């Protein structure tokens, strides 16, 4: 899902895969990020959408930052 101003306004925390994405979001939406936390997961973003090899690193990284109770990779 592409990032938009509406999504940032809704979010409590924004997770990105690479630091370059964090920098891009910070530059594009500075006023919307005032009370937000941006975290980069240090996962190279060279995968296709929901590629199985991407699911495991996401499942290992994301729960550190958000509650993922009863989620399975089909719902990620």
PDB file of N, CA and C in Angstrom:
ATOM      1  N   UNK A   1       0.847  -1.173   0.000  1.00  0.00           N
ATOM      2  CA  UNK A   1       0.000   0.000   0.000  1.00  0.00           C
ATOM      3  C   UNK A   1       0.894   1.237   0.000  1.00  0.00           C
ATOM      4  N   UNK A   2       0.698   2.123  -0.929  1.00  0.00           N
ATOM      5  CA  UNK A   2       1.504   3.345  -0.965  1.00  0.00           C
ATOM      6  C   UNK A   2       1.224   4.233   0.253  1.00  0.00           C
ATOM      7  N   UNK A   3       2.246   4.849   0.736  1.00  0.00           N
ATOM      8  CA  UNK A   3       2.121   5.738   1.879  1.00  0.00           C
ATOM      9  C   UNK A   3       1.484   7.048   1.453  1.00  0.00           C
ATOM     10  N   UNK A   4       0.581   7.545   2.289  1.00  0.00           N
ATOM     11  CA  UNK A   4      -0.084   8.812   1.996  1.00  0.00           C
ATOM     12  C   UNK A   4      -0.150   9.645   3.267  1.00  0.00           C
ATOM     13  N   UNK A   5      -0.465  10.904   3.119  1.00  0.00           N
ATOM     14  CA  UNK A   5      -0.627  11.777   4.261  1.00  0.00           C
ATOM     15  C   UNK A   5      -1.726  11.287   5.197  1.00  0.00           C
ATOM     16  N   UNK A   6      -2.817  10.759   4.628  1.00  0.00           N
ATOM     17  CA  UNK A   6      -3.913  10.226   5.439  1.00  0.00           C
ATOM     18  C   UNK A   6      -3.450   9.057   6.309  1.00  0.00           C
ATOM     19  N   UNK A   7      -2.643   8.171   5.740  1.00  0.00           N
ATOM     20  CA  UNK A   7      -2.136   7.035   6.514  1.00  0.00           C
ATOM     21  C   UNK A   7      -1.209   7.500   7.631  1.00  0.00           C
ATOM     22  N   UNK A   8      -0.384   8.478   7.349  1.00  0.00           N
ATOM     23  CA  UNK A   8       0.517   8.994   8.381  1.00  0.00           C
ATOM     24  C   UNK A   8      -0.284   9.660   9.490  1.00  0.00           C
ATOM     25  N   UNK A   9      -1.294  10.422   9.143  1.00  0.00           N
ATOM     26  CA  UNK A   9      -2.128  11.071  10.158  1.00  0.00           C
ATOM     27  C   UNK A   9      -2.810  10.033  11.041  1.00  0.00           C
ATOM     28  N   UNK A  10      -3.201   8.914  10.487  1.00  0.00           N
ATOM     29  CA  UNK A  10      -3.870   7.835  11.216  1.00  0.00           C
ATOM     30  C   UNK A  10      -2.902   7.050  12.106  1.00  0.00           C
ATOM     31  N   UNK A  11      -1.666   6.891  11.657  1.00  0.00           N
ATOM     32  CA  UNK A  11      -0.697   6.006  12.310  1.00  0.00           C
ATOM     33  C   UNK A  11      -0.178   6.551  13.636  1.00  0.00           C
ATOM     34  N   UNK A  12       0.203   5.625  14.485  1.00  0.00           N
ATOM     35  CA  UNK A  12       0.905   5.954  15.722  1.00  0.00           C
ATOM     36  C   UNK A  12       2.406   5.775  15.496  1.00  0.00           C
ATOM     37  N   UNK A  13       2.741   4.749  14.737  1.00  0.00           N
ATOM     38  CA  UNK A  13       4.140   4.432  14.420  1.00  0.00           C
ATOM     39  C   UNK A  13       4.201   4.068  12.938  1.00  0.00           C
ATOM     40  N   UNK A  14       5.293   4.434  12.292  1.00  0.00           N
ATOM     41  CA  UNK A  14       5.495   4.132  10.878  1.00  0.00           C
ATOM     42  C   UNK A  14       6.725   3.245  10.773  1.00  0.00           C
ATOM     43  N   UNK A  15       6.548   2.074  10.186  1.00  0.00           N
ATOM     44  CA  UNK A  15       7.654   1.141   9.990  1.00  0.00           C
ATOM     45  C   UNK A  15       8.061   1.171   8.525  1.00  0.00           C
ATOM     46  N   UNK A  16       9.350   1.338   8.295  1.00  0.00           N
ATOM     47  CA  UNK A  16       9.904   1.286   6.946  1.00  0.00           C
ATOM     48  C   UNK A  16      11.003   0.245   6.935  1.00  0.00           C
ATOM     49  N   UNK A  17      11.315  -0.254   5.772  1.00  0.00           N
ATOM     50  CA  UNK A  17      12.302  -1.320   5.684  1.00  0.00           C
ATOM     51  C   UNK A  17      13.733  -0.790   5.650  1.00  0.00           C
ATOM     52  N   UNK A  18      13.947   0.326   4.999  1.00  0.00           N
ATOM     53  CA  UNK A  18      15.306   0.841   4.829  1.00  0.00           C
ATOM     54  C   UNK A  18      15.413   2.275   5.337  1.00  0.00           C
ATOM     55  N   UNK A  19      16.606   2.667   5.729  1.00  0.00           N
ATOM     56  CA  UNK A  19      16.830   4.022   6.235  1.00  0.00           C
ATOM     57  C   UNK A  19      16.553   5.068   5.154  1.00  0.00           C
ATOM     58  N   UNK A  20      16.786   4.737   3.895  1.00  0.00           N
ATOM     59  CA  UNK A  20      16.496   5.697   2.826  1.00  0.00           C
ATOM     60  C   UNK A  20      14.996   5.978   2.747  1.00  0.00           C
ATOM     61  N   UNK A  21      14.177   4.978   3.062  1.00  0.00           N
ATOM     62  CA  UNK A  21      12.735   5.188   3.087  1.00  0.00           C
ATOM     63  C   UNK A  21      12.347   6.094   4.260  1.00  0.00           C
ATOM     64  N   UNK A  22      13.006   5.889   5.378  1.00  0.00           N
ATOM     65  CA  UNK A  22      12.769   6.743   6.547  1.00  0.00           C
ATOM     66  C   UNK A  22      13.087   8.197   6.203  1.00  0.00           C
ATOM     67  N   UNK A  23      14.191   8.415   5.547  1.00  0.00           N
ATOM     68  CA  UNK A  23      14.586   9.773   5.157  1.00  0.00           C
ATOM     69  C   UNK A  23      13.594  10.384   4.161  1.00  0.00           C
ATOM     70  N   UNK A  24      13.130   9.586   3.220  1.00  0.00           N
ATOM     71  CA  UNK A  24      12.182  10.068   2.219  1.00  0.00           C
ATOM     72  C   UNK A  24      10.861  10.477   2.877  1.00  0.00           C
ATOM     73  N   UNK A  25      10.358   9.651   3.784  1.00  0.00           N
ATOM     74  CA  UNK A  25       9.115   9.960   4.488  1.00  0.00           C
ATOM     75  C   UNK A  25       9.290  11.217   5.343  1.00  0.00           C
ATOM     76  N   UNK A  26      10.416  11.320   6.019  1.00  0.00           N
ATOM     77  CA  UNK A  26      10.680  12.487   6.872  1.00  0.00           C
ATOM     78  C   UNK A  26      10.706  13.777   6.069  1.00  0.00           C
ATOM     79  N   UNK A  27      11.249  13.718   4.875  1.00  0.00           N
ATOM     80  CA  UNK A  27      11.320  14.911   4.027  1.00  0.00           C
ATOM     81  C   UNK A  27       9.972  15.248   3.387  1.00  0.00           C
ATOM     82  N   UNK A  28       9.195  14.230   3.033  1.00  0.00           N
ATOM     83  CA  UNK A  28       7.937  14.456   2.319  1.00  0.00           C
ATOM     84  C   UNK A  28       6.799  14.898   3.250  1.00  0.00           C
ATOM     85  N   UNK A  29       6.810  14.422   4.505  1.00  0.00           N
ATOM     86  CA  UNK A  29       5.689  14.678   5.412  1.00  0.00           C
ATOM     87  C   UNK A  29       6.128  15.263   6.752  1.00  0.00           C
ATOM     88  N   UNK A  30       6.995  16.246   6.799  1.00  0.00           N
ATOM     89  CA  UNK A  30       7.516  16.718   8.096  1.00  0.00           C
ATOM     90  C   UNK A  30       6.436  17.210   9.053  1.00  0.00           C
ATOM     91  N   UNK A  31       5.440  17.886   8.564  1.00  0.00           N
ATOM     92  CA  UNK A  31       4.422  18.427   9.475  1.00  0.00           C
ATOM     93  C   UNK A  31       3.523  17.334  10.055  1.00  0.00           C
ATOM     94  N   UNK A  32       3.340  16.254   9.338  1.00  0.00           N
ATOM     95  CA  UNK A  32       2.497  15.163   9.824  1.00  0.00           C
ATOM     96  C   UNK A  32       3.228  14.234  10.789  1.00  0.00           C
ATOM     97  N   UNK A  33       4.543  14.330  10.833  1.00  0.00           N
ATOM     98  CA  UNK A  33       5.341  13.412  11.646  1.00  0.00           C
ATOM     99  C   UNK A  33       5.683  13.959  13.033  1.00  0.00           C
ATOM    100  N   UNK A  34       5.152  15.100  13.354  1.00  0.00           N
ATOM    101  CA  UNK A  34       5.499  15.784  14.591  1.00  0.00           C
ATOM    102  C   UNK A  34       5.407  14.872  15.816  1.00  0.00           C
ATOM    103  N   UNK A  35       4.334  14.117  15.945  1.00  0.00           N
ATOM    104  CA  UNK A  35       4.126  13.246  17.106  1.00  0.00           C
ATOM    105  C   UNK A  35       4.214  11.770  16.747  1.00  0.00           C
ATOM    106  N   UNK A  36       4.878  11.459  15.666  1.00  0.00           N
ATOM    107  CA  UNK A  36       4.961  10.078  15.186  1.00  0.00           C
ATOM    108  C   UNK A  36       6.364   9.524  15.381  1.00  0.00           C
ATOM    109  N   UNK A  37       6.433   8.232  15.451  1.00  0.00           N
ATOM    110  CA  UNK A  37       7.720   7.544  15.521  1.00  0.00           C
ATOM    111  C   UNK A  37       7.913   6.790  14.208  1.00  0.00           C
ATOM    112  N   UNK A  38       9.070   7.000  13.595  1.00  0.00           N
ATOM    113  CA  UNK A  38       9.423   6.254  12.376  1.00  0.00           C
ATOM    114  C   UNK A  38      10.541   5.293  12.747  1.00  0.00           C
ATOM    115  N   UNK A  39      10.355   4.035  12.417  1.00  0.00           N
ATOM    116  CA  UNK A  39      11.344   3.006  12.713  1.00  0.00           C
ATOM    117  C   UNK A  39      11.731   2.327  11.412  1.00  0.00           C
ATOM    118  N   UNK A  40      13.019   2.184  11.196  1.00  0.00           N
ATOM    119  CA  UNK A  40      13.416   1.389  10.027  1.00  0.00           C
ATOM    120  C   UNK A  40      13.845   0.021  10.514  1.00  0.00           C
ATOM    121  N   UNK A  41      13.399  -0.987   9.798  1.00  0.00           N
ATOM    122  CA  UNK A  41      13.558  -2.373  10.214  1.00  0.00           C
ATOM    123  C   UNK A  41      14.870  -3.001   9.754  1.00  0.00           C
ATOM    124  N   UNK A  42      15.638  -2.281   8.965  1.00  0.00           N
ATOM    125  CA  UNK A  42      16.910  -2.792   8.457  1.00  0.00           C
ATOM    126  C   UNK A  42      16.719  -4.079   7.650  1.00  0.00           C
ATOM    127  N   UNK A  43      15.724  -4.038   6.764  1.00  0.00           N
ATOM    128  CA  UNK A  43      15.450  -5.144   5.838  1.00  0.00           C
ATOM    129  C   UNK A  43      15.549  -4.543   4.438  1.00  0.00           C
ATOM    130  N   UNK A  44      16.420  -5.090   3.614  1.00  0.00           N
ATOM    131  CA  UNK A  44      16.554  -4.570   2.255  1.00  0.00           C
ATOM    132  C   UNK A  44      15.238  -4.686   1.516  1.00  0.00           C
ATOM    133  N   UNK A  45      14.854  -3.634   0.834  1.00  0.00           N
ATOM    134  CA  UNK A  45      13.593  -3.597   0.115  1.00  0.00           C
ATOM    135  C   UNK A  45      13.817  -3.944  -1.350  1.00  0.00           C
ATOM    136  N   UNK A  46      14.155  -5.197  -1.574  1.00  0.00           N
ATOM    137  CA  UNK A  46      14.353  -5.657  -2.953  1.00  0.00           C
ATOM    138  C   UNK A  46      13.460  -6.861  -3.264  1.00  0.00           C
ATOM    139  N   UNK A  47      12.405  -7.015  -2.487  1.00  0.00           N
ATOM    140  CA  UNK A  47      11.478  -8.120  -2.661  1.00  0.00           C
ATOM    141  C   UNK A  47      10.223  -7.658  -3.382  1.00  0.00           C
ATOM    142  N   UNK A  48       9.541  -8.596  -4.011  1.00  0.00           N
ATOM    143  CA  UNK A  48       8.225  -8.310  -4.562  1.00  0.00           C
ATOM    144  C   UNK A  48       7.201  -8.299  -3.433  1.00  0.00           C
ATOM    145  N   UNK A  49       6.030  -7.775  -3.703  1.00  0.00           N
ATOM    146  CA  UNK A  49       4.979  -7.669  -2.706  1.00  0.00           C
ATOM    147  C   UNK A  49       4.656  -9.036  -2.107  1.00  0.00           C
ATOM    148  N   UNK A  50       4.775  -9.124  -0.797  1.00  0.00           N
ATOM    149  CA  UNK A  50       4.465 -10.312  -0.013  1.00  0.00           C
ATOM    150  C   UNK A  50       5.206 -11.568  -0.483  1.00  0.00           C
ATOM    151  N   UNK A  51       6.375 -11.385  -1.012  1.00  0.00           N
ATOM    152  CA  UNK A  51       7.212 -12.509  -1.409  1.00  0.00           C
ATOM    153  C   UNK A  51       7.497 -13.351  -0.163  1.00  0.00           C
ATOM    154  N   UNK A  52       7.342 -14.673  -0.220  1.00  0.00           N
ATOM    155  CA  UNK A  52       7.511 -15.509   0.970  1.00  0.00           C
ATOM    156  C   UNK A  52       8.825 -15.281   1.718  1.00  0.00           C
ATOM    157  N   UNK A  53       9.908 -15.010   1.014  1.00  0.00           N
ATOM    158  CA  UNK A  53      11.194 -14.796   1.666  1.00  0.00           C
ATOM    159  C   UNK A  53      11.193 -13.510   2.503  1.00  0.00           C
ATOM    160  N   UNK A  54      10.274 -12.608   2.244  1.00  0.00           N
ATOM    161  CA  UNK A  54      10.157 -11.371   3.008  1.00  0.00           C
ATOM    162  C   UNK A  54       9.359 -11.558   4.290  1.00  0.00           C
ATOM    163  N   UNK A  55       8.449 -12.499   4.313  1.00  0.00           N
ATOM    164  CA  UNK A  55       7.540 -12.674   5.445  1.00  0.00           C
ATOM    165  C   UNK A  55       8.294 -12.967   6.739  1.00  0.00           C
ATOM    166  N   UNK A  56       9.265 -13.869   6.716  1.00  0.00           N
ATOM    167  CA  UNK A  56       9.977 -14.235   7.947  1.00  0.00           C
ATOM    168  C   UNK A  56      10.678 -13.039   8.593  1.00  0.00           C
ATOM    169  N   UNK A  57      11.470 -12.244   7.863  1.00  0.00           N
ATOM    170  CA  UNK A  57      12.092 -11.099   8.529  1.00  0.00           C
ATOM    171  C   UNK A  57      11.070 -10.103   9.072  1.00  0.00           C
ATOM    172  N   UNK A  58       9.943  -9.941   8.389  1.00  0.00           N
ATOM    173  CA  UNK A  58       8.903  -9.057   8.902  1.00  0.00           C
ATOM    174  C   UNK A  58       8.292  -9.617  10.181  1.00  0.00           C
ATOM    175  N   UNK A  59       8.011 -10.920  10.181  1.00  0.00           N
ATOM    176  CA  UNK A  59       7.432 -11.539  11.375  1.00  0.00           C
ATOM    177  C   UNK A  59       8.382 -11.474  12.569  1.00  0.00           C
ATOM    178  N   UNK A  60       9.673 -11.469  12.315  1.00  0.00           N
ATOM    179  CA  UNK A  60      10.649 -11.356  13.399  1.00  0.00           C
ATOM    180  C   UNK A  60      10.821  -9.921  13.878  1.00  0.00           C
ATOM    181  N   UNK A  61      10.699  -8.958  12.996  1.00  0.00           N
ATOM    182  CA  UNK A  61      10.974  -7.560  13.325  1.00  0.00           C
ATOM    183  C   UNK A  61       9.775  -6.774  13.838  1.00  0.00           C
ATOM    184  N   UNK A  62       8.657  -6.920  13.190  1.00  0.00           N
ATOM    185  CA  UNK A  62       7.500  -6.072  13.471  1.00  0.00           C
ATOM    186  C   UNK A  62       6.980  -6.195  14.907  1.00  0.00           C
ATOM    187  N   UNK A  63       6.885  -7.394  15.480  1.00  0.00           N
ATOM    188  CA  UNK A  63       6.334  -7.482  16.839  1.00  0.00           C
ATOM    189  C   UNK A  63       7.101  -6.687  17.908  1.00  0.00           C
ATOM    190  N   UNK A  64       8.331  -6.322  17.648  1.00  0.00           N
ATOM    191  CA  UNK A  64       9.066  -5.471  18.603  1.00  0.00           C
ATOM    192  C   UNK A  64       8.420  -4.099  18.733  1.00  0.00           C
ATOM    193  N   UNK A  65       7.693  -3.696  17.719  1.00  0.00           N
ATOM    194  CA  UNK A  65       7.158  -2.334  17.662  1.00  0.00           C
ATOM    195  C   UNK A  65       5.643  -2.241  17.773  1.00  0.00           C
ATOM    196  N   UNK A  66       4.962  -3.286  17.357  1.00  0.00           N
ATOM    197  CA  UNK A  66       3.496  -3.270  17.444  1.00  0.00           C
ATOM    198  C   UNK A  66       2.994  -4.624  17.936  1.00  0.00           C
ATOM    199  N   UNK A  67       1.827  -4.612  18.509  1.00  0.00           N
ATOM    200  CA  UNK A  67       1.197  -5.839  18.970  1.00  0.00           C
ATOM    201  C   UNK A  67       0.617  -6.562  17.759  1.00  0.00           C
ATOM    202  N   UNK A  68       0.941  -7.835  17.600  1.00  0.00           N
ATOM    203  CA  UNK A  68       0.471  -8.602  16.449  1.00  0.00           C
ATOM    204  C   UNK A  68      -0.246  -9.864  16.909  1.00  0.00           C
ATOM    205  N   UNK A  69      -1.045  -9.787  17.936  1.00  0.00           N
ATOM    206  CA  UNK A  69      -1.746 -10.932  18.489  1.00  0.00           C
ATOM    207  C   UNK A  69      -2.592 -11.628  17.443  1.00  0.00           C
ATOM    208  N   UNK A  70      -2.399 -12.944  17.361  1.00  0.00           N
ATOM    209  CA  UNK A  70      -3.191 -13.801  16.470  1.00  0.00           C
ATOM    210  C   UNK A  70      -3.066 -13.466  14.992  1.00  0.00           C
ATOM    211  N   UNK A  71      -1.993 -12.876  14.600  1.00  0.00           N
ATOM    212  CA  UNK A  71      -1.786 -12.618  13.176  1.00  0.00           C
ATOM    213  C   UNK A  71      -0.986 -13.744  12.569  1.00  0.00           C
ATOM    214  N   UNK A  72      -1.291 -14.052  11.373  1.00  0.00           N
ATOM    215  CA  UNK A  72      -0.545 -15.006  10.577  1.00  0.00           C
ATOM    216  C   UNK A  72      -0.088 -14.265   9.333  1.00  0.00           C
ATOM    217  N   UNK A  73       0.920 -14.760   8.670  1.00  0.00           N
ATOM    218  CA  UNK A  73       1.473 -14.004   7.544  1.00  0.00           C
ATOM    219  C   UNK A  73       0.448 -13.693   6.457  1.00  0.00           C
ATOM    220  N   UNK A  74      -0.666 -14.413   6.390  1.00  0.00           N
ATOM    221  CA  UNK A  74      -1.696 -14.085   5.394  1.00  0.00           C
ATOM    222  C   UNK A  74      -2.357 -12.758   5.697  1.00  0.00           C
ATOM    223  N   UNK A  75      -2.218 -12.271   6.923  1.00  0.00           N
ATOM    224  CA  UNK A  75      -2.860 -11.019   7.327  1.00  0.00           C
ATOM    225  C   UNK A  75      -1.867  -9.883   7.472  1.00  0.00           C
ATOM    226  N   UNK A  76      -0.633 -10.080   7.149  1.00  0.00           N
ATOM    227  CA  UNK A  76       0.410  -9.065   7.344  1.00  0.00           C
ATOM    228  C   UNK A  76       0.194  -7.902   6.441  1.00  0.00           C
TER     229      UNK A  76
END
